[in-house]
Amino acid sequence: MTEDRIVYVVDDDAAVRDSLVWLLGSVGLRAISFASAAEFLEGYSDTGISCLVSDVRMPGMSGLELQKALNTRGIEIPFILMTAFGDVSTAVKAMKAGAVDFIEKPFNNQDMLDLINTALQIDAARRKGIEADVENAELLARLTPQEHRVFERVAAGLSNREIASEMDISVKTVEVHRARVMRKLEANSVAELVRFHLHSATPSQFEVG
C-alpha cells in the first residue's frame, strides 16, 4: 500500500474519523475524511486508485443512501460500510448493492486494514481492466472492415479455407489479411488472437455470418 492510493472516510463521529485517518497514515495510506455523505459527494473527485469507508447511520444521508447515490451517478468506488448496531439486514442490503464488505464497530484495526487493502486491490484491478479495454479498442480501430471480418472468423476457430469459402475470397487473400491482423493487433499466435477477442470490450461492427 502506498500514498498514491486514497481512502475516503465518511463518518459523523469526529473521533472515528480521526482514529481511521491516524490508522491509515500509520501504514502509509493517504486518508481524506468527511463529516457527512453530502460533504463527500460535494468534495469527491476521481484522482486514482481509492476506496470508501462509510458509517451506515449518519444524520441526513445514511451510508446506504450514499451507496445508492454513487450507483445512480455511475461512480465506481469500492465501498466498505461500518455500523455499531450489528444490523444483519443492513449488511445484506449493502452487499447486494455492491459493498465490498461490512464491518461492525468497534472493529479490530488489522481487520479494517485487511478490508481496505482488498478494496484497493479491487479498484486497481478494475482500473487496469479499463485501460486494457481502451488499448484493445485502439488496436481494433487499426483493422479495415475486411480484416475485421477475417479476425472474427479466425477467433471463432475457422480455418483459412473455411474463411475463404464463407467470405467468397481466395485462401491466399485470407492469408494476407490474417497476417495483417496479427501485425496490427500485435499478436504472435492464433491463441493470442482468441484471447484478445475474448477480452475485447469493443463489440464487433461486423457480423460473423
N, C-alpha and C. Protein backbone atom coordinates (compact mmCIF):
# COMPACT_ATOMS: atom_id res chain seq x y z
N MET A 1 0.84 -1.19 0.00
CA MET A 1 0.00 0.00 0.00
C MET A 1 0.88 1.24 0.00
N THR A 2 0.54 2.20 -0.83
CA THR A 2 1.35 3.40 -0.97
C THR A 2 0.50 4.65 -0.86
N GLU A 3 1.17 5.78 -0.73
CA GLU A 3 0.48 7.05 -0.51
C GLU A 3 -0.29 7.54 -1.73
N ASP A 4 -0.06 6.96 -2.92
CA ASP A 4 -0.80 7.41 -4.08
C ASP A 4 -2.20 6.79 -4.11
N ARG A 5 -2.48 5.90 -3.16
CA ARG A 5 -3.82 5.32 -3.03
C ARG A 5 -4.57 6.05 -1.92
N ILE A 6 -5.83 6.39 -2.21
CA ILE A 6 -6.58 7.22 -1.27
C ILE A 6 -7.73 6.43 -0.65
N VAL A 7 -7.90 6.60 0.64
CA VAL A 7 -9.04 6.03 1.35
C VAL A 7 -9.90 7.19 1.84
N TYR A 8 -11.15 7.21 1.39
CA TYR A 8 -12.09 8.24 1.83
C TYR A 8 -12.86 7.71 3.04
N VAL A 9 -12.92 8.51 4.09
CA VAL A 9 -13.60 8.12 5.32
C VAL A 9 -14.78 9.06 5.55
N VAL A 10 -15.98 8.48 5.67
CA VAL A 10 -17.18 9.29 5.90
C VAL A 10 -17.85 8.82 7.19
N ASP A 11 -17.88 9.71 8.19
CA ASP A 11 -18.49 9.38 9.48
C ASP A 11 -18.79 10.68 10.21
N ASP A 12 -19.96 10.76 10.82
CA ASP A 12 -20.30 11.98 11.55
C ASP A 12 -19.60 12.05 12.90
N ASP A 13 -18.97 10.97 13.33
CA ASP A 13 -18.24 10.94 14.60
C ASP A 13 -16.79 11.34 14.36
N ALA A 14 -16.41 12.51 14.85
CA ALA A 14 -15.06 13.03 14.63
C ALA A 14 -13.99 12.11 15.19
N ALA A 15 -14.28 11.47 16.33
CA ALA A 15 -13.30 10.58 16.94
C ALA A 15 -13.01 9.38 16.03
N VAL A 16 -14.05 8.85 15.41
CA VAL A 16 -13.86 7.71 14.48
C VAL A 16 -13.07 8.15 13.26
N ARG A 17 -13.42 9.32 12.73
CA ARG A 17 -12.71 9.83 11.57
C ARG A 17 -11.22 10.01 11.88
N ASP A 18 -10.93 10.65 12.99
CA ASP A 18 -9.54 10.91 13.36
C ASP A 18 -8.77 9.61 13.60
N SER A 19 -9.44 8.64 14.22
CA SER A 19 -8.81 7.37 14.50
C SER A 19 -8.45 6.63 13.21
N LEU A 20 -9.38 6.65 12.25
CA LEU A 20 -9.12 5.97 10.98
C LEU A 20 -8.05 6.67 10.17
N VAL A 21 -8.07 7.99 10.16
CA VAL A 21 -7.04 8.75 9.45
C VAL A 21 -5.66 8.43 10.02
N TRP A 22 -5.58 8.36 11.36
CA TRP A 22 -4.30 8.03 12.00
C TRP A 22 -3.87 6.60 11.65
N LEU A 23 -4.82 5.66 11.71
CA LEU A 23 -4.51 4.26 11.41
C LEU A 23 -4.00 4.12 9.99
N LEU A 24 -4.67 4.73 9.05
CA LEU A 24 -4.27 4.62 7.65
C LEU A 24 -2.92 5.30 7.40
N GLY A 25 -2.72 6.43 8.05
CA GLY A 25 -1.44 7.11 7.90
C GLY A 25 -0.29 6.29 8.45
N SER A 26 -0.57 5.48 9.48
CA SER A 26 0.49 4.67 10.11
C SER A 26 1.01 3.58 9.17
N VAL A 27 0.23 3.24 8.12
CA VAL A 27 0.68 2.23 7.17
C VAL A 27 0.96 2.85 5.79
N GLY A 28 1.10 4.18 5.79
CA GLY A 28 1.49 4.86 4.55
C GLY A 28 0.37 5.13 3.58
N LEU A 29 -0.87 5.08 4.06
CA LEU A 29 -2.00 5.35 3.18
C LEU A 29 -2.53 6.77 3.40
N ARG A 30 -2.86 7.44 2.33
CA ARG A 30 -3.44 8.77 2.43
C ARG A 30 -4.93 8.64 2.70
N ALA A 31 -5.43 9.37 3.68
CA ALA A 31 -6.85 9.33 4.02
C ALA A 31 -7.43 10.73 3.96
N ILE A 32 -8.64 10.82 3.40
CA ILE A 32 -9.37 12.09 3.37
C ILE A 32 -10.71 11.85 4.04
N SER A 33 -11.03 12.63 5.06
CA SER A 33 -12.25 12.37 5.83
C SER A 33 -13.32 13.43 5.58
N PHE A 34 -14.58 12.99 5.75
CA PHE A 34 -15.74 13.86 5.57
C PHE A 34 -16.72 13.59 6.71
N ALA A 35 -17.39 14.64 7.16
CA ALA A 35 -18.31 14.52 8.29
C ALA A 35 -19.70 14.08 7.88
N SER A 36 -19.97 14.05 6.57
CA SER A 36 -21.30 13.64 6.11
C SER A 36 -21.20 13.10 4.68
N ALA A 37 -22.24 12.37 4.29
CA ALA A 37 -22.29 11.83 2.93
C ALA A 37 -22.39 12.96 1.91
N ALA A 38 -23.18 13.97 2.24
CA ALA A 38 -23.35 15.11 1.33
C ALA A 38 -22.02 15.82 1.12
N GLU A 39 -21.25 15.96 2.20
CA GLU A 39 -19.94 16.61 2.11
C GLU A 39 -19.00 15.80 1.21
N PHE A 40 -19.08 14.48 1.33
CA PHE A 40 -18.26 13.63 0.47
C PHE A 40 -18.64 13.78 -1.00
N LEU A 41 -19.93 13.72 -1.30
CA LEU A 41 -20.39 13.84 -2.68
C LEU A 41 -19.97 15.16 -3.30
N GLU A 42 -19.95 16.20 -2.49
CA GLU A 42 -19.57 17.52 -2.99
C GLU A 42 -18.07 17.62 -3.21
N GLY A 43 -17.29 16.96 -2.35
CA GLY A 43 -15.84 17.10 -2.43
C GLY A 43 -15.10 16.02 -3.18
N TYR A 44 -15.80 14.93 -3.56
CA TYR A 44 -15.12 13.79 -4.21
C TYR A 44 -14.74 14.10 -5.65
N SER A 45 -13.54 13.68 -6.02
CA SER A 45 -13.13 13.71 -7.42
C SER A 45 -12.25 12.49 -7.66
N ASP A 46 -12.44 11.85 -8.79
CA ASP A 46 -11.72 10.61 -9.09
C ASP A 46 -10.29 10.94 -9.50
N THR A 47 -9.35 10.68 -8.61
CA THR A 47 -7.95 11.01 -8.90
C THR A 47 -7.06 9.77 -8.93
N GLY A 48 -7.65 8.59 -8.88
CA GLY A 48 -6.83 7.37 -8.93
C GLY A 48 -7.39 6.28 -8.05
N ILE A 49 -6.56 5.28 -7.79
CA ILE A 49 -6.98 4.12 -7.00
C ILE A 49 -7.46 4.56 -5.62
N SER A 50 -8.65 4.12 -5.25
CA SER A 50 -9.22 4.56 -3.98
C SER A 50 -10.30 3.61 -3.50
N CYS A 51 -10.77 3.83 -2.28
CA CYS A 51 -11.93 3.13 -1.74
C CYS A 51 -12.60 4.04 -0.73
N LEU A 52 -13.80 3.66 -0.33
CA LEU A 52 -14.60 4.48 0.57
C LEU A 52 -15.00 3.66 1.79
N VAL A 53 -14.76 4.22 2.97
CA VAL A 53 -15.21 3.62 4.23
C VAL A 53 -16.23 4.57 4.84
N SER A 54 -17.46 4.08 4.98
CA SER A 54 -18.53 4.97 5.45
C SER A 54 -19.33 4.33 6.58
N ASP A 55 -19.75 5.17 7.52
CA ASP A 55 -20.66 4.70 8.56
C ASP A 55 -22.04 4.49 7.93
N VAL A 56 -22.83 3.59 8.51
CA VAL A 56 -24.17 3.34 8.00
C VAL A 56 -25.14 4.40 8.49
N ARG A 57 -25.17 4.61 9.79
CA ARG A 57 -26.16 5.51 10.37
C ARG A 57 -25.54 6.90 10.60
N MET A 58 -25.99 7.86 9.81
CA MET A 58 -25.50 9.24 9.93
C MET A 58 -26.67 10.20 9.76
N PRO A 59 -26.61 11.38 10.35
CA PRO A 59 -27.67 12.38 10.14
C PRO A 59 -27.75 12.73 8.66
N GLY A 60 -28.95 12.97 8.18
CA GLY A 60 -29.11 13.30 6.77
C GLY A 60 -29.05 12.03 5.92
N MET A 61 -28.09 11.96 5.05
CA MET A 61 -27.95 10.81 4.16
C MET A 61 -27.20 9.68 4.86
N SER A 62 -27.79 8.50 4.88
CA SER A 62 -27.15 7.34 5.51
C SER A 62 -26.10 6.74 4.59
N GLY A 63 -25.35 5.78 5.13
CA GLY A 63 -24.35 5.11 4.32
C GLY A 63 -24.97 4.37 3.15
N LEU A 64 -26.12 3.71 3.38
CA LEU A 64 -26.80 3.01 2.29
C LEU A 64 -27.30 3.98 1.23
N GLU A 65 -27.79 5.13 1.66
CA GLU A 65 -28.25 6.14 0.71
C GLU A 65 -27.08 6.71 -0.08
N LEU A 66 -25.93 6.84 0.58
CA LEU A 66 -24.73 7.30 -0.13
C LEU A 66 -24.33 6.28 -1.18
N GLN A 67 -24.39 5.02 -0.81
CA GLN A 67 -24.05 3.96 -1.76
C GLN A 67 -24.98 4.01 -2.97
N LYS A 68 -26.27 4.22 -2.73
CA LYS A 68 -27.24 4.31 -3.81
C LYS A 68 -26.97 5.54 -4.68
N ALA A 69 -26.59 6.65 -4.05
CA ALA A 69 -26.31 7.88 -4.80
C ALA A 69 -25.10 7.69 -5.72
N LEU A 70 -24.09 6.98 -5.22
CA LEU A 70 -22.90 6.70 -6.04
C LEU A 70 -23.27 5.83 -7.23
N ASN A 71 -24.08 4.80 -6.98
CA ASN A 71 -24.51 3.92 -8.07
C ASN A 71 -25.30 4.69 -9.12
N THR A 72 -26.18 5.57 -8.65
CA THR A 72 -27.00 6.38 -9.57
C THR A 72 -26.14 7.29 -10.43
N ARG A 73 -25.09 7.82 -9.84
CA ARG A 73 -24.20 8.74 -10.57
C ARG A 73 -23.14 8.00 -11.40
N GLY A 74 -23.14 6.69 -11.31
CA GLY A 74 -22.16 5.91 -12.07
C GLY A 74 -20.75 6.01 -11.52
N ILE A 75 -20.63 6.34 -10.24
CA ILE A 75 -19.31 6.44 -9.60
C ILE A 75 -18.93 5.07 -9.06
N GLU A 76 -17.90 4.48 -9.62
CA GLU A 76 -17.45 3.16 -9.19
C GLU A 76 -16.29 3.30 -8.22
N ILE A 77 -16.57 3.01 -6.97
CA ILE A 77 -15.53 3.05 -5.94
C ILE A 77 -15.85 1.95 -4.93
N PRO A 78 -14.91 1.07 -4.61
CA PRO A 78 -15.16 0.01 -3.63
C PRO A 78 -15.62 0.61 -2.30
N PHE A 79 -16.66 0.03 -1.74
CA PHE A 79 -17.38 0.62 -0.62
C PHE A 79 -17.36 -0.33 0.58
N ILE A 80 -16.92 0.17 1.73
CA ILE A 80 -16.94 -0.60 2.98
C ILE A 80 -17.83 0.14 3.96
N LEU A 81 -18.80 -0.56 4.52
CA LEU A 81 -19.73 0.07 5.45
C LEU A 81 -19.42 -0.32 6.90
N MET A 82 -19.51 0.65 7.80
CA MET A 82 -19.31 0.42 9.23
C MET A 82 -20.63 0.62 9.96
N THR A 83 -20.86 -0.17 10.99
CA THR A 83 -22.03 0.03 11.83
C THR A 83 -21.73 -0.37 13.26
N ALA A 84 -22.39 0.27 14.18
CA ALA A 84 -22.23 -0.08 15.59
C ALA A 84 -23.41 -0.90 16.08
N PHE A 85 -24.28 -1.27 15.14
CA PHE A 85 -25.53 -1.89 15.55
C PHE A 85 -25.66 -3.37 15.17
N GLY A 86 -24.72 -3.91 14.46
CA GLY A 86 -24.77 -5.32 14.09
C GLY A 86 -26.04 -5.68 13.34
N ASP A 87 -26.49 -4.78 12.49
CA ASP A 87 -27.74 -4.95 11.74
C ASP A 87 -27.50 -5.86 10.53
N VAL A 88 -27.89 -7.13 10.65
CA VAL A 88 -27.65 -8.10 9.58
C VAL A 88 -28.39 -7.73 8.31
N SER A 89 -29.64 -7.26 8.44
CA SER A 89 -30.42 -6.92 7.25
C SER A 89 -29.77 -5.76 6.49
N THR A 90 -29.20 -4.82 7.23
CA THR A 90 -28.50 -3.71 6.59
C THR A 90 -27.26 -4.22 5.86
N ALA A 91 -26.56 -5.17 6.47
CA ALA A 91 -25.37 -5.76 5.85
C ALA A 91 -25.74 -6.43 4.54
N VAL A 92 -26.85 -7.16 4.55
CA VAL A 92 -27.29 -7.85 3.34
C VAL A 92 -27.62 -6.85 2.23
N LYS A 93 -28.33 -5.78 2.60
CA LYS A 93 -28.67 -4.74 1.61
C LYS A 93 -27.41 -4.11 1.04
N ALA A 94 -26.44 -3.87 1.92
CA ALA A 94 -25.19 -3.24 1.47
C ALA A 94 -24.44 -4.14 0.49
N MET A 95 -24.37 -5.42 0.81
CA MET A 95 -23.65 -6.35 -0.06
C MET A 95 -24.36 -6.49 -1.40
N LYS A 96 -25.70 -6.55 -1.37
CA LYS A 96 -26.47 -6.67 -2.61
C LYS A 96 -26.30 -5.43 -3.48
N ALA A 97 -26.09 -4.28 -2.84
CA ALA A 97 -25.92 -3.02 -3.58
C ALA A 97 -24.49 -2.85 -4.08
N GLY A 98 -23.62 -3.80 -3.73
CA GLY A 98 -22.26 -3.76 -4.27
C GLY A 98 -21.16 -3.45 -3.28
N ALA A 99 -21.48 -3.39 -1.99
CA ALA A 99 -20.43 -3.12 -1.00
C ALA A 99 -19.40 -4.24 -1.00
N VAL A 100 -18.15 -3.88 -0.81
CA VAL A 100 -17.08 -4.88 -0.74
C VAL A 100 -17.24 -5.70 0.53
N ASP A 101 -17.56 -5.02 1.62
CA ASP A 101 -17.73 -5.72 2.89
C ASP A 101 -18.42 -4.82 3.89
N PHE A 102 -18.62 -5.36 5.07
CA PHE A 102 -19.38 -4.73 6.13
C PHE A 102 -18.66 -5.05 7.42
N ILE A 103 -18.42 -4.07 8.26
CA ILE A 103 -17.68 -4.32 9.50
C ILE A 103 -18.36 -3.64 10.68
N GLU A 104 -18.41 -4.33 11.78
CA GLU A 104 -19.06 -3.79 12.97
C GLU A 104 -18.09 -3.01 13.84
N LYS A 105 -18.57 -1.91 14.41
CA LYS A 105 -17.82 -1.14 15.40
C LYS A 105 -18.08 -1.76 16.79
N PRO A 106 -17.11 -1.79 17.67
CA PRO A 106 -15.70 -1.42 17.41
C PRO A 106 -15.01 -2.53 16.64
N PHE A 107 -14.16 -2.16 15.72
CA PHE A 107 -13.50 -3.15 14.87
C PHE A 107 -12.03 -3.29 15.24
N ASN A 108 -11.49 -4.43 14.87
CA ASN A 108 -10.06 -4.67 15.03
C ASN A 108 -9.32 -3.91 13.93
N ASN A 109 -8.28 -3.18 14.29
CA ASN A 109 -7.57 -2.36 13.30
C ASN A 109 -7.04 -3.18 12.13
N GLN A 110 -6.50 -4.35 12.41
CA GLN A 110 -5.95 -5.17 11.34
C GLN A 110 -7.05 -5.67 10.41
N ASP A 111 -8.22 -5.99 10.99
CA ASP A 111 -9.34 -6.43 10.16
C ASP A 111 -9.74 -5.31 9.20
N MET A 112 -9.78 -4.08 9.72
CA MET A 112 -10.13 -2.94 8.87
C MET A 112 -9.08 -2.73 7.78
N LEU A 113 -7.82 -2.81 8.14
CA LEU A 113 -6.75 -2.63 7.15
C LEU A 113 -6.82 -3.72 6.07
N ASP A 114 -7.14 -4.93 6.49
CA ASP A 114 -7.25 -6.02 5.51
C ASP A 114 -8.39 -5.75 4.53
N LEU A 115 -9.53 -5.28 5.04
CA LEU A 115 -10.65 -4.96 4.17
C LEU A 115 -10.30 -3.84 3.19
N ILE A 116 -9.63 -2.82 3.72
CA ILE A 116 -9.25 -1.68 2.88
C ILE A 116 -8.25 -2.11 1.81
N ASN A 117 -7.30 -2.94 2.18
CA ASN A 117 -6.32 -3.43 1.21
C ASN A 117 -7.01 -4.20 0.10
N THR A 118 -7.98 -5.04 0.46
CA THR A 118 -8.74 -5.79 -0.54
C THR A 118 -9.50 -4.84 -1.46
N ALA A 119 -10.14 -3.83 -0.86
CA ALA A 119 -10.91 -2.87 -1.65
C ALA A 119 -10.01 -2.11 -2.63
N LEU A 120 -8.83 -1.73 -2.19
CA LEU A 120 -7.89 -1.02 -3.07
C LEU A 120 -7.40 -1.92 -4.19
N GLN A 121 -7.19 -3.19 -3.90
CA GLN A 121 -6.78 -4.14 -4.93
C GLN A 121 -7.89 -4.31 -5.97
N ILE A 122 -9.13 -4.32 -5.50
CA ILE A 122 -10.27 -4.42 -6.42
C ILE A 122 -10.32 -3.22 -7.35
N ASP A 123 -10.11 -2.03 -6.79
CA ASP A 123 -10.16 -0.81 -7.61
C ASP A 123 -8.99 -0.77 -8.59
N ALA A 124 -7.82 -1.22 -8.15
CA ALA A 124 -6.65 -1.25 -9.03
C ALA A 124 -6.90 -2.18 -10.21
N ALA A 125 -7.48 -3.35 -9.92
CA ALA A 125 -7.77 -4.32 -10.98
C ALA A 125 -8.82 -3.78 -11.95
N ARG A 126 -9.82 -3.10 -11.40
CA ARG A 126 -10.86 -2.51 -12.26
C ARG A 126 -10.28 -1.47 -13.21
N ARG A 127 -9.41 -0.62 -12.67
CA ARG A 127 -8.81 0.43 -13.49
C ARG A 127 -7.87 -0.16 -14.54
N LYS A 128 -7.15 -1.21 -14.16
CA LYS A 128 -6.26 -1.87 -15.12
C LYS A 128 -7.07 -2.47 -16.26
N GLY A 129 -8.24 -3.03 -15.91
CA GLY A 129 -9.11 -3.61 -16.93
C GLY A 129 -9.63 -2.55 -17.89
N ILE A 130 -9.98 -1.38 -17.37
CA ILE A 130 -10.46 -0.28 -18.21
C ILE A 130 -9.36 0.16 -19.17
N GLU A 131 -8.13 0.28 -18.66
CA GLU A 131 -7.00 0.67 -19.51
C GLU A 131 -6.78 -0.35 -20.62
N ALA A 132 -6.90 -1.64 -20.28
CA ALA A 132 -6.71 -2.70 -21.27
C ALA A 132 -7.80 -2.63 -22.34
N ASP A 133 -9.04 -2.33 -21.91
CA ASP A 133 -10.15 -2.21 -22.86
C ASP A 133 -9.90 -1.08 -23.85
N VAL A 134 -9.39 0.04 -23.34
CA VAL A 134 -9.11 1.19 -24.21
C VAL A 134 -8.01 0.83 -25.21
N GLU A 135 -6.96 0.16 -24.73
CA GLU A 135 -5.87 -0.25 -25.61
C GLU A 135 -6.37 -1.21 -26.68
N ASN A 136 -7.23 -2.17 -26.29
CA ASN A 136 -7.78 -3.11 -27.26
C ASN A 136 -8.61 -2.40 -28.32
N ALA A 137 -9.41 -1.43 -27.89
CA ALA A 137 -10.25 -0.69 -28.84
C ALA A 137 -9.38 0.08 -29.83
N GLU A 138 -8.27 0.63 -29.34
CA GLU A 138 -7.37 1.38 -30.22
C GLU A 138 -6.72 0.44 -31.24
N LEU A 139 -6.36 -0.76 -30.81
CA LEU A 139 -5.78 -1.73 -31.73
C LEU A 139 -6.81 -2.18 -32.76
N LEU A 140 -8.04 -2.46 -32.32
CA LEU A 140 -9.09 -2.89 -33.24
C LEU A 140 -9.39 -1.83 -34.30
N ALA A 141 -9.25 -0.57 -33.91
CA ALA A 141 -9.53 0.52 -34.85
C ALA A 141 -8.54 0.54 -36.02
N ARG A 142 -7.42 -0.17 -35.87
CA ARG A 142 -6.44 -0.23 -36.96
C ARG A 142 -6.91 -1.11 -38.11
N LEU A 143 -7.84 -2.04 -37.82
CA LEU A 143 -8.26 -3.01 -38.82
C LEU A 143 -9.22 -2.41 -39.84
N THR A 144 -9.08 -2.82 -41.08
CA THR A 144 -10.06 -2.47 -42.10
C THR A 144 -11.29 -3.35 -41.90
N PRO A 145 -12.43 -3.01 -42.50
CA PRO A 145 -13.62 -3.86 -42.36
C PRO A 145 -13.36 -5.31 -42.78
N GLN A 146 -12.65 -5.50 -43.88
CA GLN A 146 -12.36 -6.86 -44.35
C GLN A 146 -11.46 -7.60 -43.37
N GLU A 147 -10.46 -6.92 -42.84
CA GLU A 147 -9.56 -7.53 -41.86
C GLU A 147 -10.32 -7.88 -40.59
N HIS A 148 -11.27 -7.03 -40.21
CA HIS A 148 -12.05 -7.29 -39.01
C HIS A 148 -12.91 -8.55 -39.20
N ARG A 149 -13.45 -8.73 -40.39
CA ARG A 149 -14.25 -9.92 -40.67
C ARG A 149 -13.40 -11.18 -40.59
N VAL A 150 -12.18 -11.09 -41.12
CA VAL A 150 -11.26 -12.23 -41.04
C VAL A 150 -10.90 -12.50 -39.59
N PHE A 151 -10.62 -11.44 -38.84
CA PHE A 151 -10.27 -11.59 -37.42
C PHE A 151 -11.37 -12.30 -36.65
N GLU A 152 -12.63 -11.90 -36.87
CA GLU A 152 -13.75 -12.52 -36.18
C GLU A 152 -13.81 -14.02 -36.46
N ARG A 153 -13.55 -14.39 -37.69
CA ARG A 153 -13.65 -15.79 -38.09
C ARG A 153 -12.46 -16.62 -37.59
N VAL A 154 -11.28 -16.00 -37.59
CA VAL A 154 -10.11 -16.70 -37.03
C VAL A 154 -10.34 -16.94 -35.55
N ALA A 155 -10.84 -15.91 -34.84
CA ALA A 155 -11.10 -16.04 -33.40
C ALA A 155 -12.19 -17.06 -33.11
N ALA A 156 -13.08 -17.27 -34.09
CA ALA A 156 -14.16 -18.25 -33.92
C ALA A 156 -13.68 -19.67 -34.21
N GLY A 157 -12.43 -19.80 -34.68
CA GLY A 157 -11.86 -21.13 -34.90
C GLY A 157 -11.94 -21.65 -36.32
N LEU A 158 -12.32 -20.79 -37.26
CA LEU A 158 -12.41 -21.23 -38.66
C LEU A 158 -11.02 -21.31 -39.29
N SER A 159 -10.86 -22.27 -40.19
CA SER A 159 -9.60 -22.41 -40.92
C SER A 159 -9.56 -21.40 -42.07
N ASN A 160 -8.38 -21.21 -42.64
CA ASN A 160 -8.26 -20.29 -43.77
C ASN A 160 -9.19 -20.69 -44.91
N ARG A 161 -9.28 -21.99 -45.16
CA ARG A 161 -10.13 -22.48 -46.25
C ARG A 161 -11.61 -22.21 -45.95
N GLU A 162 -12.00 -22.42 -44.70
CA GLU A 162 -13.39 -22.16 -44.32
C GLU A 162 -13.72 -20.67 -44.41
N ILE A 163 -12.76 -19.83 -44.01
CA ILE A 163 -12.97 -18.39 -44.09
C ILE A 163 -13.09 -17.95 -45.55
N ALA A 164 -12.22 -18.51 -46.39
CA ALA A 164 -12.25 -18.16 -47.82
C ALA A 164 -13.59 -18.52 -48.44
N SER A 165 -14.09 -19.70 -48.09
CA SER A 165 -15.38 -20.15 -48.64
C SER A 165 -16.52 -19.27 -48.14
N GLU A 166 -16.51 -18.95 -46.86
CA GLU A 166 -17.60 -18.16 -46.27
C GLU A 166 -17.61 -16.73 -46.78
N MET A 167 -16.41 -16.16 -47.00
CA MET A 167 -16.32 -14.77 -47.44
C MET A 167 -16.22 -14.63 -48.96
N ASP A 168 -16.15 -15.78 -49.63
CA ASP A 168 -16.06 -15.80 -51.10
C ASP A 168 -14.82 -15.06 -51.60
N ILE A 169 -13.68 -15.36 -50.97
CA ILE A 169 -12.39 -14.83 -51.39
C ILE A 169 -11.40 -15.99 -51.45
N SER A 170 -10.22 -15.76 -52.00
CA SER A 170 -9.25 -16.84 -52.13
C SER A 170 -8.55 -17.11 -50.79
N VAL A 171 -8.02 -18.32 -50.66
CA VAL A 171 -7.26 -18.69 -49.46
C VAL A 171 -6.05 -17.77 -49.33
N LYS A 172 -5.42 -17.43 -50.44
CA LYS A 172 -4.26 -16.54 -50.42
C LYS A 172 -4.64 -15.18 -49.84
N THR A 173 -5.81 -14.67 -50.23
CA THR A 173 -6.27 -13.38 -49.72
C THR A 173 -6.51 -13.46 -48.21
N VAL A 174 -7.08 -14.57 -47.76
CA VAL A 174 -7.30 -14.77 -46.34
C VAL A 174 -5.97 -14.74 -45.59
N GLU A 175 -4.97 -15.42 -46.15
CA GLU A 175 -3.64 -15.47 -45.52
C GLU A 175 -3.04 -14.07 -45.39
N VAL A 176 -3.22 -13.25 -46.43
CA VAL A 176 -2.69 -11.88 -46.40
C VAL A 176 -3.39 -11.07 -45.31
N HIS A 177 -4.74 -11.16 -45.29
CA HIS A 177 -5.49 -10.42 -44.27
C HIS A 177 -5.12 -10.91 -42.87
N ARG A 178 -4.98 -12.22 -42.73
CA ARG A 178 -4.67 -12.79 -41.42
C ARG A 178 -3.32 -12.28 -40.91
N ALA A 179 -2.34 -12.22 -41.81
CA ALA A 179 -1.02 -11.73 -41.43
C ALA A 179 -1.09 -10.26 -41.00
N ARG A 180 -1.89 -9.48 -41.70
CA ARG A 180 -2.05 -8.07 -41.34
C ARG A 180 -2.75 -7.91 -40.00
N VAL A 181 -3.74 -8.76 -39.77
CA VAL A 181 -4.45 -8.73 -38.49
C VAL A 181 -3.49 -9.03 -37.34
N MET A 182 -2.67 -10.06 -37.51
CA MET A 182 -1.70 -10.44 -36.48
C MET A 182 -0.76 -9.27 -36.17
N ARG A 183 -0.31 -8.61 -37.24
CA ARG A 183 0.62 -7.49 -37.07
C ARG A 183 -0.05 -6.30 -36.39
N LYS A 184 -1.23 -5.95 -36.85
CA LYS A 184 -1.91 -4.77 -36.32
C LYS A 184 -2.37 -4.96 -34.87
N LEU A 185 -2.73 -6.20 -34.52
CA LEU A 185 -3.18 -6.46 -33.15
C LEU A 185 -2.03 -6.91 -32.26
N GLU A 186 -0.82 -6.91 -32.83
CA GLU A 186 0.39 -7.23 -32.08
C GLU A 186 0.30 -8.61 -31.42
N ALA A 187 -0.24 -9.56 -32.20
CA ALA A 187 -0.39 -10.93 -31.72
C ALA A 187 0.64 -11.83 -32.38
N ASN A 188 1.15 -12.78 -31.62
CA ASN A 188 2.17 -13.69 -32.13
C ASN A 188 1.63 -15.08 -32.43
N SER A 189 0.36 -15.32 -32.11
CA SER A 189 -0.23 -16.63 -32.35
C SER A 189 -1.74 -16.51 -32.44
N VAL A 190 -2.37 -17.56 -32.95
CA VAL A 190 -3.83 -17.59 -33.02
C VAL A 190 -4.41 -17.58 -31.60
N ALA A 191 -3.72 -18.25 -30.69
CA ALA A 191 -4.19 -18.27 -29.30
C ALA A 191 -4.27 -16.85 -28.75
N GLU A 192 -3.30 -16.01 -29.08
CA GLU A 192 -3.32 -14.62 -28.62
C GLU A 192 -4.48 -13.85 -29.25
N LEU A 193 -4.77 -14.16 -30.52
CA LEU A 193 -5.92 -13.53 -31.18
C LEU A 193 -7.22 -13.90 -30.48
N VAL A 194 -7.34 -15.18 -30.11
CA VAL A 194 -8.55 -15.64 -29.44
C VAL A 194 -8.69 -14.95 -28.08
N ARG A 195 -7.58 -14.88 -27.33
CA ARG A 195 -7.62 -14.20 -26.02
C ARG A 195 -7.98 -12.73 -26.19
N PHE A 196 -7.41 -12.10 -27.21
CA PHE A 196 -7.70 -10.69 -27.49
C PHE A 196 -9.20 -10.53 -27.74
N HIS A 197 -9.76 -11.43 -28.53
CA HIS A 197 -11.18 -11.36 -28.89
C HIS A 197 -12.05 -11.54 -27.65
N LEU A 198 -11.69 -12.48 -26.79
CA LEU A 198 -12.46 -12.77 -25.59
C LEU A 198 -12.46 -11.61 -24.60
N HIS A 199 -11.33 -10.88 -24.54
CA HIS A 199 -11.19 -9.81 -23.56
C HIS A 199 -11.48 -8.42 -24.12
N SER A 200 -11.80 -8.37 -25.42
CA SER A 200 -12.07 -7.06 -26.01
C SER A 200 -13.41 -6.54 -25.53
N ALA A 201 -13.41 -5.28 -25.09
CA ALA A 201 -14.66 -4.67 -24.60
C ALA A 201 -15.43 -4.03 -25.73
N THR A 202 -14.82 -3.93 -26.92
CA THR A 202 -15.46 -3.27 -28.03
C THR A 202 -16.20 -4.29 -28.88
N PRO A 203 -17.55 -4.21 -28.97
CA PRO A 203 -18.28 -5.17 -29.77
C PRO A 203 -17.91 -5.06 -31.24
N SER A 204 -17.99 -6.16 -31.93
CA SER A 204 -17.66 -6.17 -33.35
C SER A 204 -18.65 -5.34 -34.15
N GLN A 205 -18.15 -4.62 -35.15
CA GLN A 205 -19.02 -3.88 -36.06
C GLN A 205 -19.45 -4.76 -37.22
N PHE A 206 -18.87 -5.95 -37.30
CA PHE A 206 -19.10 -6.79 -38.47
C PHE A 206 -19.60 -8.16 -38.04
N GLU A 207 -20.64 -8.62 -38.62
CA GLU A 207 -21.22 -9.91 -38.27
C GLU A 207 -20.34 -11.03 -38.80
N VAL A 208 -20.31 -12.12 -38.05
CA VAL A 208 -19.51 -13.26 -38.48
C VAL A 208 -20.22 -13.98 -39.61
N GLY A 209 -21.54 -14.03 -39.54
CA GLY A 209 -22.30 -14.77 -40.53
C GLY A 209 -22.48 -14.02 -41.84
